[in-house]
Amino acid sequence: MSLGTLLQGLTFVSAILSILLILLQQRGASLGAGFGSSGELYTERRGLERSLFNATIIFVLIFVLSILGMVLIPA
């Protein structure tokens, strides 16, 4: 298995997982909250919501780094 094939697979898997993790996250404050119509503008993430947020960041970083690897490393 070549490095290019491995990076393509890693890119595909991390893209799918990133999309799923983004869709699983709860919506934060709406646009109206920025203009004062809601009581809370910022709430702290706790528990599963925090884990989903951190996992999303990790998989997006893996996605970006694998794309950079495909561009910079000749196959």
N, C-alpha and C. Protein backbone atom coordinates (compact mmCIF):
# COMPACT_ATOMS: atom_id res chain seq x y z
N MET A 1 0.84 -1.18 0.00
CA MET A 1 0.00 0.00 0.00
C MET A 1 0.89 1.24 0.00
N SER A 2 0.63 2.14 -0.93
CA SER A 2 1.47 3.33 -1.04
C SER A 2 1.00 4.41 -0.08
N LEU A 3 1.86 5.38 0.11
CA LEU A 3 1.55 6.49 1.02
C LEU A 3 0.39 7.33 0.48
N GLY A 4 0.33 7.49 -0.84
CA GLY A 4 -0.76 8.25 -1.45
C GLY A 4 -2.11 7.62 -1.19
N THR A 5 -2.18 6.29 -1.31
CA THR A 5 -3.43 5.58 -1.05
C THR A 5 -3.84 5.70 0.41
N LEU A 6 -2.87 5.60 1.28
CA LEU A 6 -3.13 5.74 2.72
C LEU A 6 -3.66 7.14 3.04
N LEU A 7 -3.06 8.18 2.46
CA LEU A 7 -3.51 9.54 2.71
C LEU A 7 -4.91 9.79 2.13
N GLN A 8 -5.21 9.19 0.98
CA GLN A 8 -6.55 9.33 0.40
C GLN A 8 -7.60 8.69 1.30
N GLY A 9 -7.30 7.51 1.80
CA GLY A 9 -8.22 6.84 2.71
C GLY A 9 -8.42 7.62 3.99
N LEU A 10 -7.33 8.15 4.53
CA LEU A 10 -7.40 8.95 5.75
C LEU A 10 -8.21 10.22 5.53
N THR A 11 -8.05 10.84 4.38
CA THR A 11 -8.82 12.03 4.04
C THR A 11 -10.30 11.72 3.96
N PHE A 12 -10.65 10.62 3.30
CA PHE A 12 -12.05 10.24 3.13
C PHE A 12 -12.70 9.94 4.48
N VAL A 13 -12.04 9.15 5.30
CA VAL A 13 -12.61 8.77 6.61
C VAL A 13 -12.73 9.98 7.52
N SER A 14 -11.71 10.83 7.56
CA SER A 14 -11.78 12.01 8.43
C SER A 14 -12.84 13.01 7.93
N ALA A 15 -13.06 13.09 6.63
CA ALA A 15 -14.10 13.99 6.12
C ALA A 15 -15.48 13.51 6.53
N ILE A 16 -15.75 12.21 6.39
CA ILE A 16 -17.05 11.66 6.76
C ILE A 16 -17.29 11.82 8.26
N LEU A 17 -16.29 11.50 9.07
CA LEU A 17 -16.45 11.63 10.52
C LEU A 17 -16.61 13.09 10.95
N SER A 18 -15.92 14.01 10.28
CA SER A 18 -16.07 15.43 10.60
C SER A 18 -17.48 15.91 10.31
N ILE A 19 -18.03 15.49 9.17
CA ILE A 19 -19.39 15.87 8.82
C ILE A 19 -20.38 15.34 9.85
N LEU A 20 -20.23 14.08 10.22
CA LEU A 20 -21.14 13.49 11.20
C LEU A 20 -21.04 14.17 12.56
N LEU A 21 -19.82 14.47 12.99
CA LEU A 21 -19.65 15.13 14.29
C LEU A 21 -20.21 16.55 14.28
N ILE A 22 -20.08 17.25 13.17
CA ILE A 22 -20.63 18.60 13.08
C ILE A 22 -22.15 18.54 13.16
N LEU A 23 -22.75 17.56 12.47
CA LEU A 23 -24.20 17.45 12.48
C LEU A 23 -24.75 17.00 13.83
N LEU A 24 -23.96 16.29 14.63
CA LEU A 24 -24.40 15.83 15.95
C LEU A 24 -24.38 16.91 17.01
N GLN A 25 -23.64 17.98 16.78
CA GLN A 25 -23.52 19.01 17.79
C GLN A 25 -24.81 19.80 17.90
N GLN A 26 -25.10 20.23 19.14
CA GLN A 26 -26.28 21.06 19.36
C GLN A 26 -26.01 22.47 18.86
N ARG A 27 -27.06 23.11 18.47
CA ARG A 27 -26.90 24.49 18.03
C ARG A 27 -26.70 25.39 19.23
N GLY A 28 -25.84 26.38 19.06
CA GLY A 28 -25.60 27.33 20.14
C GLY A 28 -26.64 28.43 20.12
N ALA A 29 -26.25 29.57 20.59
CA ALA A 29 -27.16 30.71 20.62
C ALA A 29 -27.47 31.14 19.19
N SER A 30 -28.69 31.53 18.96
CA SER A 30 -29.10 31.96 17.63
C SER A 30 -28.63 33.38 17.36
N LEU A 31 -28.89 33.85 16.15
CA LEU A 31 -28.46 35.19 15.78
C LEU A 31 -29.13 36.25 16.64
N GLY A 32 -30.36 35.99 17.05
CA GLY A 32 -31.07 36.94 17.89
C GLY A 32 -30.41 37.15 19.24
N ALA A 33 -29.67 36.17 19.71
CA ALA A 33 -29.00 36.29 21.00
C ALA A 33 -27.91 37.36 20.96
N GLY A 34 -27.34 37.56 19.80
CA GLY A 34 -26.31 38.59 19.68
C GLY A 34 -26.87 39.99 19.81
N PHE A 35 -28.18 40.13 19.58
CA PHE A 35 -28.81 41.44 19.66
C PHE A 35 -29.62 41.63 20.94
N GLY A 36 -29.47 40.71 21.90
CA GLY A 36 -30.07 40.90 23.20
C GLY A 36 -31.42 40.25 23.42
N SER A 37 -31.90 39.44 22.48
CA SER A 37 -33.22 38.85 22.68
C SER A 37 -33.17 37.54 23.46
N SER A 38 -31.99 37.06 23.76
CA SER A 38 -31.85 35.83 24.53
C SER A 38 -31.08 36.13 25.81
N GLY A 39 -31.34 35.31 26.83
CA GLY A 39 -30.70 35.55 28.12
C GLY A 39 -29.22 35.22 28.14
N GLU A 40 -28.80 34.18 27.43
CA GLU A 40 -27.41 33.75 27.48
C GLU A 40 -26.79 33.80 26.10
N LEU A 41 -25.62 34.40 26.02
CA LEU A 41 -24.91 34.45 24.75
C LEU A 41 -23.86 33.34 24.69
N TYR A 42 -23.27 33.02 25.82
CA TYR A 42 -22.22 32.01 25.85
C TYR A 42 -22.50 31.04 27.00
N THR A 43 -22.47 29.76 26.67
CA THR A 43 -22.59 28.74 27.71
C THR A 43 -21.40 27.80 27.59
N GLU A 44 -20.97 27.27 28.70
CA GLU A 44 -19.82 26.38 28.73
C GLU A 44 -20.25 24.98 28.29
N ARG A 45 -19.41 24.36 27.44
CA ARG A 45 -19.69 23.00 27.01
C ARG A 45 -19.30 22.03 28.13
N ARG A 46 -20.15 21.02 28.35
CA ARG A 46 -19.87 20.04 29.39
C ARG A 46 -20.21 18.65 28.89
N GLY A 47 -19.53 17.67 29.42
CA GLY A 47 -19.86 16.28 29.16
C GLY A 47 -19.69 15.87 27.71
N LEU A 48 -20.73 15.23 27.18
CA LEU A 48 -20.69 14.70 25.82
C LEU A 48 -20.55 15.81 24.79
N GLU A 49 -21.17 16.94 25.03
CA GLU A 49 -21.07 18.06 24.09
C GLU A 49 -19.62 18.53 23.95
N ARG A 50 -18.90 18.57 25.04
CA ARG A 50 -17.49 18.96 25.01
C ARG A 50 -16.65 17.92 24.27
N SER A 51 -16.94 16.64 24.51
CA SER A 51 -16.21 15.57 23.82
C SER A 51 -16.46 15.60 22.31
N LEU A 52 -17.70 15.85 21.92
CA LEU A 52 -18.01 15.97 20.48
C LEU A 52 -17.27 17.15 19.86
N PHE A 53 -17.23 18.25 20.59
CA PHE A 53 -16.53 19.44 20.09
C PHE A 53 -15.04 19.17 19.91
N ASN A 54 -14.42 18.54 20.90
CA ASN A 54 -12.99 18.22 20.81
C ASN A 54 -12.70 17.20 19.71
N ALA A 55 -13.56 16.20 19.58
CA ALA A 55 -13.38 15.20 18.51
C ALA A 55 -13.52 15.84 17.14
N THR A 56 -14.43 16.80 17.01
CA THR A 56 -14.60 17.50 15.74
C THR A 56 -13.34 18.25 15.37
N ILE A 57 -12.75 18.94 16.33
CA ILE A 57 -11.51 19.67 16.07
C ILE A 57 -10.40 18.72 15.64
N ILE A 58 -10.28 17.59 16.32
CA ILE A 58 -9.23 16.62 15.99
C ILE A 58 -9.40 16.06 14.58
N PHE A 59 -10.63 15.67 14.22
CA PHE A 59 -10.84 15.10 12.90
C PHE A 59 -10.71 16.13 11.78
N VAL A 60 -11.06 17.38 12.06
CA VAL A 60 -10.85 18.42 11.05
C VAL A 60 -9.35 18.67 10.86
N LEU A 61 -8.58 18.65 11.93
CA LEU A 61 -7.13 18.79 11.81
C LEU A 61 -6.52 17.62 11.03
N ILE A 62 -6.97 16.40 11.30
CA ILE A 62 -6.50 15.24 10.55
C ILE A 62 -6.83 15.40 9.07
N PHE A 63 -8.04 15.88 8.78
CA PHE A 63 -8.47 16.11 7.40
C PHE A 63 -7.55 17.11 6.69
N VAL A 64 -7.31 18.24 7.33
CA VAL A 64 -6.48 19.29 6.73
C VAL A 64 -5.04 18.81 6.55
N LEU A 65 -4.50 18.14 7.56
CA LEU A 65 -3.12 17.65 7.46
C LEU A 65 -2.97 16.56 6.40
N SER A 66 -3.97 15.72 6.24
CA SER A 66 -3.87 14.68 5.21
C SER A 66 -3.95 15.29 3.81
N ILE A 67 -4.73 16.34 3.65
CA ILE A 67 -4.77 17.03 2.35
C ILE A 67 -3.43 17.70 2.07
N LEU A 68 -2.87 18.36 3.08
CA LEU A 68 -1.55 18.96 2.90
C LEU A 68 -0.50 17.90 2.59
N GLY A 69 -0.62 16.74 3.21
CA GLY A 69 0.30 15.65 2.92
C GLY A 69 0.18 15.18 1.49
N MET A 70 -1.03 15.10 0.96
CA MET A 70 -1.21 14.68 -0.44
C MET A 70 -0.65 15.71 -1.40
N VAL A 71 -0.74 16.99 -1.03
CA VAL A 71 -0.24 18.03 -1.92
C VAL A 71 1.29 18.10 -1.87
N LEU A 72 1.85 17.97 -0.69
CA LEU A 72 3.29 18.17 -0.54
C LEU A 72 4.13 16.93 -0.82
N ILE A 73 3.57 15.76 -0.58
CA ILE A 73 4.32 14.51 -0.79
C ILE A 73 3.97 13.95 -2.16
N PRO A 74 4.94 13.88 -3.06
CA PRO A 74 4.63 13.32 -4.38
C PRO A 74 4.37 11.82 -4.29
N ALA A 75 3.33 11.38 -4.97
CA ALA A 75 2.96 9.96 -4.91
C ALA A 75 3.65 9.17 -6.00
